[in-house]
Protein backbone atom coordinates (compact mmCIF):
# COMPACT_ATOMS: atom_id res chain seq x y z
CA MET A 1 -45.29 1.98 -19.12
CA PRO A 2 -45.65 -1.61 -17.97
CA PRO A 3 -47.49 -2.06 -14.66
CA LEU A 4 -45.86 -2.94 -11.46
CA PRO A 5 -44.85 -6.22 -10.12
CA GLN A 6 -46.82 -7.92 -7.94
CA ALA A 7 -45.92 -8.04 -3.99
CA LEU A 8 -43.91 -10.68 -3.14
CA LYS A 9 -44.96 -12.55 0.00
CA PRO A 10 -41.75 -13.82 2.70
CA LEU A 11 -40.99 -17.22 2.31
CA THR A 12 -42.79 -18.28 5.19
CA SER A 13 -45.88 -17.43 3.56
CA LEU A 14 -45.20 -19.84 0.55
CA PHE A 15 -43.88 -22.85 2.58
CA THR A 16 -44.77 -24.72 5.63
CA LEU A 17 -43.17 -27.23 7.79
CA ASN A 18 -42.63 -30.17 6.82
CA GLN A 19 -44.22 -29.91 3.02
CA LEU A 20 -43.00 -31.83 0.67
CA ILE A 21 -41.40 -30.18 -2.14
CA ILE A 22 -39.23 -31.34 -5.73
CA VAL A 23 -35.83 -30.16 -5.71
CA ARG A 24 -33.27 -30.90 -8.14
CA VAL A 25 -29.36 -31.76 -6.82
CA THR A 26 -27.39 -28.33 -8.46
CA HIS A 27 -24.20 -28.52 -6.94
CA ILE A 28 -21.98 -31.28 -4.51
CA ASN A 29 -19.02 -29.95 -2.43
CA GLU A 30 -16.64 -31.91 -0.51
CA ALA A 31 -14.50 -30.85 2.22
CA LEU A 32 -12.01 -32.33 4.55
CA THR A 33 -12.43 -31.28 8.23
CA ALA A 34 -10.05 -31.07 10.89
CA THR A 35 -10.93 -34.68 11.91
CA ASN A 36 -10.36 -36.18 8.53
CA SER A 37 -14.35 -36.34 8.16
CA ILE A 38 -15.34 -35.39 5.29
CA ARG A 39 -18.19 -32.21 5.30
CA ARG A 40 -20.67 -32.53 1.88
CA LYS A 41 -22.45 -29.37 1.24
CA ILE A 42 -25.33 -30.36 -1.25
CA ILE A 43 -26.78 -27.23 -2.85
CA LEU A 44 -30.31 -27.68 -4.18
CA SER A 45 -32.68 -25.78 -6.29
CA SER A 46 -36.47 -25.52 -6.97
CA ASN A 47 -36.42 -23.39 -9.37
CA PRO A 48 -38.74 -24.65 -12.45
CA ALA A 49 -35.76 -23.62 -15.04
CA ASP A 50 -33.90 -25.90 -12.74
CA LEU A 51 -35.99 -28.93 -12.08
CA HIS A 52 -36.68 -28.88 -15.71
CA SER A 53 -33.79 -27.55 -17.69
CA ASN A 54 -33.50 -30.92 -19.65
CA TYR A 55 -37.12 -30.38 -21.18
CA ASN A 56 -37.75 -28.08 -24.31
CA ALA A 57 -41.10 -26.96 -25.48
CA THR A 58 -41.53 -29.70 -28.27
CA VAL A 59 -41.46 -32.41 -25.16
CA ILE A 60 -44.65 -30.61 -23.11
CA GLU A 61 -47.34 -33.20 -23.46
CA GLU A 62 -50.71 -33.88 -22.18
CA GLY A 63 -50.35 -35.38 -18.98
CA MET A 64 -47.10 -34.37 -17.96
CA GLN A 65 -46.80 -33.28 -14.23
CA LEU A 66 -44.63 -29.92 -13.78
CA THR A 67 -43.47 -27.66 -11.08
CA ALA A 68 -44.80 -24.10 -11.94
CA ALA A 69 -43.95 -20.84 -10.58
CA VAL A 70 -46.83 -18.36 -9.97
CA GLN A 71 -45.42 -15.33 -12.49
CA SER A 72 -49.07 -13.41 -12.00
CA VAL A 73 -52.33 -13.24 -10.90
CA GLU A 74 -54.57 -12.06 -13.26
CA ASP A 75 -58.60 -12.12 -13.55
CA HIS A 76 -58.81 -15.09 -15.57
CA GLY A 77 -56.45 -17.40 -13.61
CA LEU A 78 -52.75 -17.81 -12.80
CA VAL A 79 -49.78 -17.15 -15.15
CA LEU A 80 -47.42 -19.73 -14.82
CA ASP A 81 -43.86 -20.47 -15.38
CA VAL A 82 -42.18 -23.78 -15.70
CA GLY A 83 -38.74 -22.58 -16.74
CA VAL A 84 -38.84 -23.96 -19.86
CA LYS A 85 -37.90 -21.76 -22.70
CA GLY A 86 -40.78 -21.50 -25.44
CA VAL A 87 -43.77 -22.47 -22.71
CA ARG A 88 -46.02 -20.22 -22.39
CA SER A 89 -48.61 -21.79 -19.40
CA PHE A 90 -51.63 -20.48 -18.15
CA LEU A 91 -53.73 -21.82 -15.24
CA PRO A 92 -57.54 -21.07 -15.40
CA LYS A 93 -59.25 -19.56 -12.18
CA ASN A 94 -61.94 -22.41 -13.09
CA ARG A 95 -59.65 -25.11 -12.28
CA LEU A 96 -58.64 -23.77 -9.00
CA THR A 97 -60.53 -23.69 -5.77
CA ALA A 98 -61.39 -20.28 -4.71
CA LYS A 99 -59.53 -20.60 -1.68
CA ALA A 100 -56.27 -21.38 -4.09
CA TYR A 101 -56.94 -18.99 -6.35
CA ASN A 102 -57.44 -16.25 -3.56
CA GLU A 103 -54.17 -17.18 -2.11
CA ALA A 104 -51.70 -17.65 -5.28
CA ALA A 105 -49.01 -15.42 -4.86
CA VAL A 106 -46.06 -14.73 -7.12
CA GLY A 107 -43.74 -17.10 -6.90
CA GLN A 108 -45.03 -19.65 -5.13
CA LEU A 109 -44.40 -23.31 -6.28
CA LEU A 110 -47.54 -25.28 -7.70
CA GLN A 111 -47.57 -28.90 -8.94
CA CYS A 112 -49.61 -28.86 -11.89
CA LYS A 113 -50.81 -31.45 -14.74
CA VAL A 114 -50.45 -30.40 -18.26
CA VAL A 115 -54.34 -30.90 -19.83
CA LEU A 116 -54.02 -28.96 -23.13
CA ALA A 117 -50.75 -28.34 -25.19
CA LYS A 118 -50.48 -26.78 -27.72
CA VAL A 119 -47.28 -26.59 -29.67
CA GLN A 120 -46.24 -24.75 -32.85
CA ARG A 121 -42.75 -25.07 -33.87
CA LEU A 122 -40.81 -24.18 -31.09
CA LEU A 123 -43.56 -22.59 -28.88
CA CYS A 124 -45.92 -24.47 -26.57
CA ASN A 125 -49.09 -22.79 -25.29
CA VAL A 126 -49.92 -24.96 -22.32
CA THR A 127 -52.88 -25.01 -20.41
CA PHE A 128 -52.84 -26.77 -16.50
CA GLN A 129 -55.01 -28.34 -13.70
CA ALA A 130 -53.66 -28.48 -10.11
CA LEU A 131 -53.09 -31.32 -8.15
CA PRO A 132 -53.86 -31.04 -4.77
CA SER A 133 -51.08 -30.44 -1.99
CA GLY A 134 -49.34 -33.98 -1.95
CA GLY A 135 -50.72 -35.03 -4.82
CA ARG A 136 -47.66 -35.42 -6.99
CA VAL A 137 -45.56 -38.93 -7.04
CA SER A 138 -42.31 -39.30 -5.87
CA GLN A 139 -39.25 -38.04 -7.79
CA ASN A 140 -36.76 -40.24 -6.10
CA ILE A 141 -36.11 -42.75 -9.30
CA VAL A 142 -33.47 -44.80 -7.36
CA GLU A 143 -34.40 -46.69 -4.64
CA ASN A 144 -32.49 -46.69 -1.47
CA LEU A 145 -30.78 -43.33 -2.60
CA ASN A 146 -28.53 -42.15 -0.16
CA ALA A 147 -25.87 -39.32 -0.26
CA ALA A 148 -22.53 -40.79 -2.24
CA LEU A 149 -25.56 -41.71 -5.33
CA LEU A 150 -26.33 -37.86 -5.57
CA LEU A 151 -25.23 -36.33 -8.71
CA PRO A 152 -25.68 -32.81 -9.92
CA GLY A 153 -28.72 -32.17 -11.82
CA MET A 154 -30.86 -35.13 -10.14
CA THR A 155 -34.31 -34.48 -9.00
CA VAL A 156 -35.38 -35.33 -5.13
CA ASP A 157 -37.64 -34.89 -2.31
CA CYS A 158 -37.21 -33.18 0.67
CA HIS A 159 -39.37 -31.34 3.33
CA VAL A 160 -39.15 -27.91 4.78
CA MET A 161 -38.01 -27.69 7.98
CA GLN A 162 -37.50 -23.65 8.36
CA THR A 163 -37.98 -20.70 6.32
CA HIS A 164 -35.36 -17.96 6.32
CA LYS A 165 -35.32 -14.64 4.49
CA THR A 166 -32.84 -16.20 2.08
CA GLY A 167 -33.90 -19.81 1.39
CA MET A 168 -34.90 -22.63 3.27
CA LYS A 169 -33.58 -25.62 5.16
CA VAL A 170 -34.86 -29.23 4.61
CA TYR A 171 -34.66 -32.68 5.36
CA PHE A 172 -34.13 -34.98 2.81
CA MET A 173 -32.34 -38.58 2.86
CA GLU A 174 -31.99 -38.02 6.54
CA LEU A 175 -29.39 -34.98 5.11
CA MET A 176 -29.86 -31.47 6.33
CA GLY A 177 -29.62 -29.07 3.69
CA SER A 178 -30.13 -25.11 2.37
CA VAL A 179 -32.37 -24.09 -0.46
CA HIS A 180 -31.34 -20.67 -1.83
């Protein structure tokens, strides 16, 4: 019988107010309001599968920085999901502070740097090093980015403003949005 999944923590314990996270624009819906103004609804995702959807196992290299979600907490470290098909990833316990290891939770997002990537055919085994909070450089690749320039698939930086049971309210580019 397979082991029971580890307990999931609420979003309020996985994210903090004003925490910088990396998200990807998945949809943009525009509607005309009764006052003839345009109302934009921008749907964002912090799921590693969405963030790294343009990667495959053969492009993972040492030195890359990726967002990973904790898949399970093991005795020797963390099994991570980077959302790339064919990639198995692990963050050894000795590359984490004791506090970070003890507070690790399934679903938690971590910014990691690839320190070892072994590619065999279409399978890649990756060993990570955790980056300190805020250790990742900005993902905004366009300076002076505004809502008119947003396209589905873009990765943008945003700040967590509130957490709810089903998602987060975030702030980016002077806009409020939701991550589900």
